[in-house]
């Protein structure tokens, strides 16, 4: 069974890699293709909000399944 500490560390690393990827995709693909006038800072702020939500969501699901399914 995975400890709470390992669950949050894995969730953070997994989600931070998604943050980097999402920021790059938004900056170099989505914004130019759809002509979205966002600055790099705005793009990063939006992605950080979704990243925090994703970390919390991932942690909660992992703990739920670790407790309910693995016992």
PDB file of N, CA and C in Angstrom:
ATOM      1  N   UNK A   1       0.846  -1.184   0.000  1.00  0.00           N
ATOM      2  CA  UNK A   1       0.000   0.000   0.000  1.00  0.00           C
ATOM      3  C   UNK A   1       0.888   1.243   0.000  1.00  0.00           C
ATOM      4  N   UNK A   2       0.497   2.232  -0.745  1.00  0.00           N
ATOM      5  CA  UNK A   2       1.256   3.475  -0.877  1.00  0.00           C
ATOM      6  C   UNK A   2       0.942   4.392   0.305  1.00  0.00           C
ATOM      7  N   UNK A   3       1.972   5.040   0.856  1.00  0.00           N
ATOM      8  CA  UNK A   3       1.757   5.961   1.969  1.00  0.00           C
ATOM      9  C   UNK A   3       1.168   7.267   1.451  1.00  0.00           C
ATOM     10  N   UNK A   4       0.620   8.053   2.371  1.00  0.00           N
ATOM     11  CA  UNK A   4       0.055   9.349   1.996  1.00  0.00           C
ATOM     12  C   UNK A   4       1.139  10.250   1.405  1.00  0.00           C
ATOM     13  N   UNK A   5       2.319  10.203   2.001  1.00  0.00           N
ATOM     14  CA  UNK A   5       3.429  11.037   1.510  1.00  0.00           C
ATOM     15  C   UNK A   5       3.787  10.669   0.076  1.00  0.00           C
ATOM     16  N   UNK A   6       3.891   9.369  -0.198  1.00  0.00           N
ATOM     17  CA  UNK A   6       4.220   8.938  -1.557  1.00  0.00           C
ATOM     18  C   UNK A   6       3.098   9.281  -2.540  1.00  0.00           C
ATOM     19  N   UNK A   7       1.850   9.209  -2.067  1.00  0.00           N
ATOM     20  CA  UNK A   7       0.716   9.557  -2.935  1.00  0.00           C
ATOM     21  C   UNK A   7       0.786  11.007  -3.382  1.00  0.00           C
ATOM     22  N   UNK A   8       1.044  11.914  -2.439  1.00  0.00           N
ATOM     23  CA  UNK A   8       1.070  13.338  -2.798  1.00  0.00           C
ATOM     24  C   UNK A   8       2.296  13.656  -3.652  1.00  0.00           C
ATOM     25  N   UNK A   9       3.439  13.033  -3.355  1.00  0.00           N
ATOM     26  CA  UNK A   9       4.646  13.276  -4.154  1.00  0.00           C
ATOM     27  C   UNK A   9       4.430  12.810  -5.591  1.00  0.00           C
ATOM     28  N   UNK A  10       3.867  11.616  -5.765  1.00  0.00           N
ATOM     29  CA  UNK A  10       3.612  11.110  -7.117  1.00  0.00           C
ATOM     30  C   UNK A  10       2.614  12.001  -7.852  1.00  0.00           C
ATOM     31  N   UNK A  11       1.561  12.412  -7.147  1.00  0.00           N
ATOM     32  CA  UNK A  11       0.552  13.264  -7.764  1.00  0.00           C
ATOM     33  C   UNK A  11       1.138  14.608  -8.190  1.00  0.00           C
ATOM     34  N   UNK A  12       2.003  15.178  -7.354  1.00  0.00           N
ATOM     35  CA  UNK A  12       2.628  16.468  -7.679  1.00  0.00           C
ATOM     36  C   UNK A  12       3.533  16.342  -8.896  1.00  0.00           C
ATOM     37  N   UNK A  13       4.409  15.345  -8.916  1.00  0.00           N
ATOM     38  CA  UNK A  13       5.320  15.180 -10.059  1.00  0.00           C
ATOM     39  C   UNK A  13       4.550  14.896 -11.342  1.00  0.00           C
ATOM     40  N   UNK A  14       3.530  14.065 -11.255  1.00  0.00           N
ATOM     41  CA  UNK A  14       2.720  13.743 -12.427  1.00  0.00           C
ATOM     42  C   UNK A  14       2.031  15.003 -12.956  1.00  0.00           C
ATOM     43  N   UNK A  15       1.475  15.781 -12.058  1.00  0.00           N
ATOM     44  CA  UNK A  15       0.729  16.960 -12.473  1.00  0.00           C
ATOM     45  C   UNK A  15       1.649  18.089 -12.918  1.00  0.00           C
ATOM     46  N   UNK A  16       2.800  18.256 -12.283  1.00  0.00           N
ATOM     47  CA  UNK A  16       3.729  19.303 -12.708  1.00  0.00           C
ATOM     48  C   UNK A  16       4.265  19.042 -14.113  1.00  0.00           C
ATOM     49  N   UNK A  17       4.466  17.774 -14.447  1.00  0.00           N
ATOM     50  CA  UNK A  17       4.885  17.476 -15.813  1.00  0.00           C
ATOM     51  C   UNK A  17       3.770  17.850 -16.791  1.00  0.00           C
ATOM     52  N   UNK A  18       2.525  17.673 -16.363  1.00  0.00           N
ATOM     53  CA  UNK A  18       1.389  18.107 -17.171  1.00  0.00           C
ATOM     54  C   UNK A  18       1.331  19.619 -17.305  1.00  0.00           C
ATOM     55  N   UNK A  19       1.695  20.337 -16.245  1.00  0.00           N
ATOM     56  CA  UNK A  19       1.733  21.807 -16.285  1.00  0.00           C
ATOM     57  C   UNK A  19       2.719  22.291 -17.337  1.00  0.00           C
ATOM     58  N   UNK A  20       3.894  21.721 -17.348  1.00  0.00           N
ATOM     59  CA  UNK A  20       4.910  22.115 -18.324  1.00  0.00           C
ATOM     60  C   UNK A  20       4.409  21.831 -19.739  1.00  0.00           C
ATOM     61  N   UNK A  21       3.874  20.655 -19.939  1.00  0.00           N
ATOM     62  CA  UNK A  21       3.367  20.280 -21.264  1.00  0.00           C
ATOM     63  C   UNK A  21       2.207  21.178 -21.688  1.00  0.00           C
ATOM     64  N   UNK A  22       1.268  21.436 -20.778  1.00  0.00           N
ATOM     65  CA  UNK A  22       0.117  22.283 -21.111  1.00  0.00           C
ATOM     66  C   UNK A  22       0.548  23.702 -21.446  1.00  0.00           C
ATOM     67  N   UNK A  23       1.529  24.231 -20.723  1.00  0.00           N
ATOM     68  CA  UNK A  23       2.015  25.583 -20.982  1.00  0.00           C
ATOM     69  C   UNK A  23       2.669  25.669 -22.362  1.00  0.00           C
ATOM     70  N   UNK A  24       3.464  24.681 -22.692  1.00  0.00           N
ATOM     71  CA  UNK A  24       4.115  24.664 -24.003  1.00  0.00           C
ATOM     72  C   UNK A  24       3.091  24.518 -25.133  1.00  0.00           C
ATOM     73  N   UNK A  25       2.135  23.619 -24.963  1.00  0.00           N
ATOM     74  CA  UNK A  25       1.111  23.409 -25.992  1.00  0.00           C
ATOM     75  C   UNK A  25       0.274  24.673 -26.178  1.00  0.00           C
ATOM     76  N   UNK A  26      -0.113  25.298 -25.059  1.00  0.00           N
ATOM     77  CA  UNK A  26      -0.918  26.519 -25.151  1.00  0.00           C
ATOM     78  C   UNK A  26      -0.138  27.636 -25.838  1.00  0.00           C
ATOM     79  N   UNK A  27       1.133  27.793 -25.477  1.00  0.00           N
ATOM     80  CA  UNK A  27       1.946  28.885 -26.020  1.00  0.00           C
ATOM     81  C   UNK A  27       2.291  28.717 -27.494  1.00  0.00           C
ATOM     82  N   UNK A  28       2.610  27.498 -27.890  1.00  0.00           N
ATOM     83  CA  UNK A  28       3.151  27.293 -29.234  1.00  0.00           C
ATOM     84  C   UNK A  28       2.188  26.656 -30.230  1.00  0.00           C
ATOM     85  N   UNK A  29       1.059  26.140 -29.754  1.00  0.00           N
ATOM     86  CA  UNK A  29       0.118  25.505 -30.676  1.00  0.00           C
ATOM     87  C   UNK A  29      -1.263  26.159 -30.600  1.00  0.00           C
ATOM     88  N   UNK A  30      -1.889  26.117 -29.428  1.00  0.00           N
ATOM     89  CA  UNK A  30      -3.280  26.574 -29.311  1.00  0.00           C
ATOM     90  C   UNK A  30      -3.422  28.079 -29.527  1.00  0.00           C
ATOM     91  N   UNK A  31      -2.629  28.880 -28.836  1.00  0.00           N
ATOM     92  CA  UNK A  31      -2.736  30.344 -28.992  1.00  0.00           C
ATOM     93  C   UNK A  31      -2.528  30.802 -30.426  1.00  0.00           C
ATOM     94  N   UNK A  32      -1.475  30.335 -31.114  1.00  0.00           N
ATOM     95  CA  UNK A  32      -1.296  30.777 -32.505  1.00  0.00           C
ATOM     96  C   UNK A  32      -2.392  30.270 -33.456  1.00  0.00           C
ATOM     97  N   UNK A  33      -2.798  29.038 -33.304  1.00  0.00           N
ATOM     98  CA  UNK A  33      -3.794  28.463 -34.212  1.00  0.00           C
ATOM     99  C   UNK A  33      -5.148  29.142 -34.040  1.00  0.00           C
ATOM    100  N   UNK A  34      -5.551  29.419 -32.792  1.00  0.00           N
ATOM    101  CA  UNK A  34      -6.865  30.012 -32.529  1.00  0.00           C
ATOM    102  C   UNK A  34      -6.794  31.518 -32.302  1.00  0.00           C
ATOM    103  N   UNK A  35      -5.632  32.090 -32.482  1.00  0.00           N
ATOM    104  CA  UNK A  35      -5.427  33.536 -32.347  1.00  0.00           C
ATOM    105  C   UNK A  35      -5.910  34.067 -30.989  1.00  0.00           C
ATOM    106  N   UNK A  36      -5.516  33.367 -29.937  1.00  0.00           N
ATOM    107  CA  UNK A  36      -5.882  33.775 -28.583  1.00  0.00           C
ATOM    108  C   UNK A  36      -4.827  34.744 -28.051  1.00  0.00           C
ATOM    109  N   UNK A  37      -5.240  35.951 -27.735  1.00  0.00           N
ATOM    110  CA  UNK A  37      -4.275  36.965 -27.286  1.00  0.00           C
ATOM    111  C   UNK A  37      -3.939  36.837 -25.800  1.00  0.00           C
ATOM    112  N   UNK A  38      -3.217  35.801 -25.419  1.00  0.00           N
ATOM    113  CA  UNK A  38      -2.803  35.648 -24.026  1.00  0.00           C
ATOM    114  C   UNK A  38      -1.294  35.816 -23.934  1.00  0.00           C
ATOM    115  N   UNK A  39      -0.873  36.419 -22.842  1.00  0.00           N
ATOM    116  CA  UNK A  39       0.565  36.541 -22.597  1.00  0.00           C
ATOM    117  C   UNK A  39       1.059  35.241 -21.977  1.00  0.00           C
ATOM    118  N   UNK A  40       2.349  35.088 -21.944  1.00  0.00           N
ATOM    119  CA  UNK A  40       2.930  33.896 -21.327  1.00  0.00           C
ATOM    120  C   UNK A  40       2.569  33.828 -19.845  1.00  0.00           C
ATOM    121  N   UNK A  41       2.561  34.976 -19.181  1.00  0.00           N
ATOM    122  CA  UNK A  41       2.220  35.009 -17.752  1.00  0.00           C
ATOM    123  C   UNK A  41       0.756  34.603 -17.541  1.00  0.00           C
ATOM    124  N   UNK A  42      -0.146  35.127 -18.365  1.00  0.00           N
ATOM    125  CA  UNK A  42      -1.565  34.746 -18.254  1.00  0.00           C
ATOM    126  C   UNK A  42      -1.746  33.249 -18.498  1.00  0.00           C
ATOM    127  N   UNK A  43      -1.066  32.747 -19.503  1.00  0.00           N
ATOM    128  CA  UNK A  43      -1.122  31.330 -19.827  1.00  0.00           C
ATOM    129  C   UNK A  43      -0.649  30.499 -18.636  1.00  0.00           C
ATOM    130  N   UNK A  44       0.455  30.889 -18.044  1.00  0.00           N
ATOM    131  CA  UNK A  44       1.003  30.168 -16.898  1.00  0.00           C
ATOM    132  C   UNK A  44       0.059  30.240 -15.702  1.00  0.00           C
ATOM    133  N   UNK A  45      -0.537  31.400 -15.449  1.00  0.00           N
ATOM    134  CA  UNK A  45      -1.479  31.543 -14.336  1.00  0.00           C
ATOM    135  C   UNK A  45      -2.686  30.622 -14.502  1.00  0.00           C
ATOM    136  N   UNK A  46      -3.233  30.570 -15.697  1.00  0.00           N
ATOM    137  CA  UNK A  46      -4.377  29.693 -15.973  1.00  0.00           C
ATOM    138  C   UNK A  46      -3.980  28.236 -15.753  1.00  0.00           C
ATOM    139  N   UNK A  47      -2.828  27.850 -16.267  1.00  0.00           N
ATOM    140  CA  UNK A  47      -2.371  26.470 -16.123  1.00  0.00           C
ATOM    141  C   UNK A  47      -2.074  26.120 -14.663  1.00  0.00           C
ATOM    142  N   UNK A  48      -1.580  27.070 -13.887  1.00  0.00           N
ATOM    143  CA  UNK A  48      -1.307  26.810 -12.466  1.00  0.00           C
ATOM    144  C   UNK A  48      -2.608  26.541 -11.707  1.00  0.00           C
ATOM    145  N   UNK A  49      -3.655  27.289 -12.017  1.00  0.00           N
ATOM    146  CA  UNK A  49      -4.951  27.058 -11.371  1.00  0.00           C
ATOM    147  C   UNK A  49      -5.424  25.633 -11.639  1.00  0.00           C
ATOM    148  N   UNK A  50      -5.379  25.229 -12.904  1.00  0.00           N
ATOM    149  CA  UNK A  50      -5.803  23.879 -13.235  1.00  0.00           C
ATOM    150  C   UNK A  50      -4.866  22.823 -12.649  1.00  0.00           C
ATOM    151  N   UNK A  51      -3.596  23.143 -12.519  1.00  0.00           N
ATOM    152  CA  UNK A  51      -2.628  22.209 -11.939  1.00  0.00           C
ATOM    153  C   UNK A  51      -2.931  21.959 -10.467  1.00  0.00           C
ATOM    154  N   UNK A  52      -3.216  23.007  -9.718  1.00  0.00           N
ATOM    155  CA  UNK A  52      -3.548  22.845  -8.299  1.00  0.00           C
ATOM    156  C   UNK A  52      -4.801  21.978  -8.144  1.00  0.00           C
ATOM    157  N   UNK A  53      -5.801  22.255  -8.960  1.00  0.00           N
ATOM    158  CA  UNK A  53      -7.017  21.444  -8.923  1.00  0.00           C
ATOM    159  C   UNK A  53      -6.700  19.990  -9.247  1.00  0.00           C
ATOM    160  N   UNK A  54      -5.844  19.774 -10.219  1.00  0.00           N
ATOM    161  CA  UNK A  54      -5.487  18.417 -10.630  1.00  0.00           C
ATOM    162  C   UNK A  54      -4.713  17.678  -9.543  1.00  0.00           C
ATOM    163  N   UNK A  55      -3.825  18.355  -8.840  1.00  0.00           N
ATOM    164  CA  UNK A  55      -3.068  17.724  -7.754  1.00  0.00           C
ATOM    165  C   UNK A  55      -4.022  17.261  -6.657  1.00  0.00           C
ATOM    166  N   UNK A  56      -4.927  18.132  -6.260  1.00  0.00           N
ATOM    167  CA  UNK A  56      -5.884  17.781  -5.207  1.00  0.00           C
ATOM    168  C   UNK A  56      -6.776  16.627  -5.664  1.00  0.00           C
ATOM    169  N   UNK A  57      -7.282  16.710  -6.885  1.00  0.00           N
ATOM    170  CA  UNK A  57      -8.136  15.652  -7.418  1.00  0.00           C
ATOM    171  C   UNK A  57      -7.407  14.319  -7.476  1.00  0.00           C
ATOM    172  N   UNK A  58      -6.189  14.330  -8.003  1.00  0.00           N
ATOM    173  CA  UNK A  58      -5.412  13.102  -8.114  1.00  0.00           C
ATOM    174  C   UNK A  58      -5.105  12.480  -6.761  1.00  0.00           C
ATOM    175  N   UNK A  59      -4.775  13.320  -5.794  1.00  0.00           N
ATOM    176  CA  UNK A  59      -4.482  12.838  -4.445  1.00  0.00           C
ATOM    177  C   UNK A  59      -5.723  12.205  -3.822  1.00  0.00           C
ATOM    178  N   UNK A  60      -6.855  12.878  -3.946  1.00  0.00           N
ATOM    179  CA  UNK A  60      -8.081  12.371  -3.340  1.00  0.00           C
ATOM    180  C   UNK A  60      -8.505  11.028  -3.956  1.00  0.00           C
ATOM    181  N   UNK A  61      -8.446  10.919  -5.276  1.00  0.00           N
ATOM    182  CA  UNK A  61      -8.789   9.649  -5.913  1.00  0.00           C
ATOM    183  C   UNK A  61      -7.812   8.546  -5.503  1.00  0.00           C
ATOM    184  N   UNK A  62      -6.539   8.859  -5.453  1.00  0.00           N
ATOM    185  CA  UNK A  62      -5.536   7.851  -5.095  1.00  0.00           C
ATOM    186  C   UNK A  62      -5.776   7.341  -3.673  1.00  0.00           C
ATOM    187  N   UNK A  63      -6.045   8.263  -2.742  1.00  0.00           N
ATOM    188  CA  UNK A  63      -6.286   7.862  -1.355  1.00  0.00           C
ATOM    189  C   UNK A  63      -7.571   7.044  -1.247  1.00  0.00           C
ATOM    190  N   UNK A  64      -8.609   7.454  -1.981  1.00  0.00           N
ATOM    191  CA  UNK A  64      -9.869   6.720  -1.974  1.00  0.00           C
ATOM    192  C   UNK A  64      -9.654   5.272  -2.425  1.00  0.00           C
ATOM    193  N   UNK A  65      -9.021   5.107  -3.577  1.00  0.00           N
ATOM    194  CA  UNK A  65      -8.820   3.753  -4.102  1.00  0.00           C
ATOM    195  C   UNK A  65      -7.837   2.960  -3.265  1.00  0.00           C
ATOM    196  N   UNK A  66      -6.871   3.649  -2.685  1.00  0.00           N
ATOM    197  CA  UNK A  66      -5.916   2.961  -1.822  1.00  0.00           C
ATOM    198  C   UNK A  66      -6.616   2.425  -0.578  1.00  0.00           C
ATOM    199  N   UNK A  67      -7.579   3.175  -0.068  1.00  0.00           N
ATOM    200  CA  UNK A  67      -8.298   2.761   1.138  1.00  0.00           C
ATOM    201  C   UNK A  67      -9.403   1.760   0.831  1.00  0.00           C
ATOM    202  N   UNK A  68     -10.217   2.031  -0.168  1.00  0.00           N
ATOM    203  CA  UNK A  68     -11.400   1.213  -0.467  1.00  0.00           C
ATOM    204  C   UNK A  68     -11.097  -0.041  -1.274  1.00  0.00           C
ATOM    205  N   UNK A  69     -10.252   0.090  -2.261  1.00  0.00           N
ATOM    206  CA  UNK A  69     -10.022  -1.013  -3.194  1.00  0.00           C
ATOM    207  C   UNK A  69      -8.901  -1.933  -2.734  1.00  0.00           C
ATOM    208  N   UNK A  70      -7.862  -1.365  -2.149  1.00  0.00           N
ATOM    209  CA  UNK A  70      -6.686  -2.168  -1.783  1.00  0.00           C
ATOM    210  C   UNK A  70      -6.824  -2.861  -0.432  1.00  0.00           C
ATOM    211  N   UNK A  71      -7.886  -2.588   0.311  1.00  0.00           N
ATOM    212  CA  UNK A  71      -8.049  -3.239   1.619  1.00  0.00           C
ATOM    213  C   UNK A  71      -8.839  -4.489   1.536  1.00  0.00           C
TER     214      UNK A  71
END
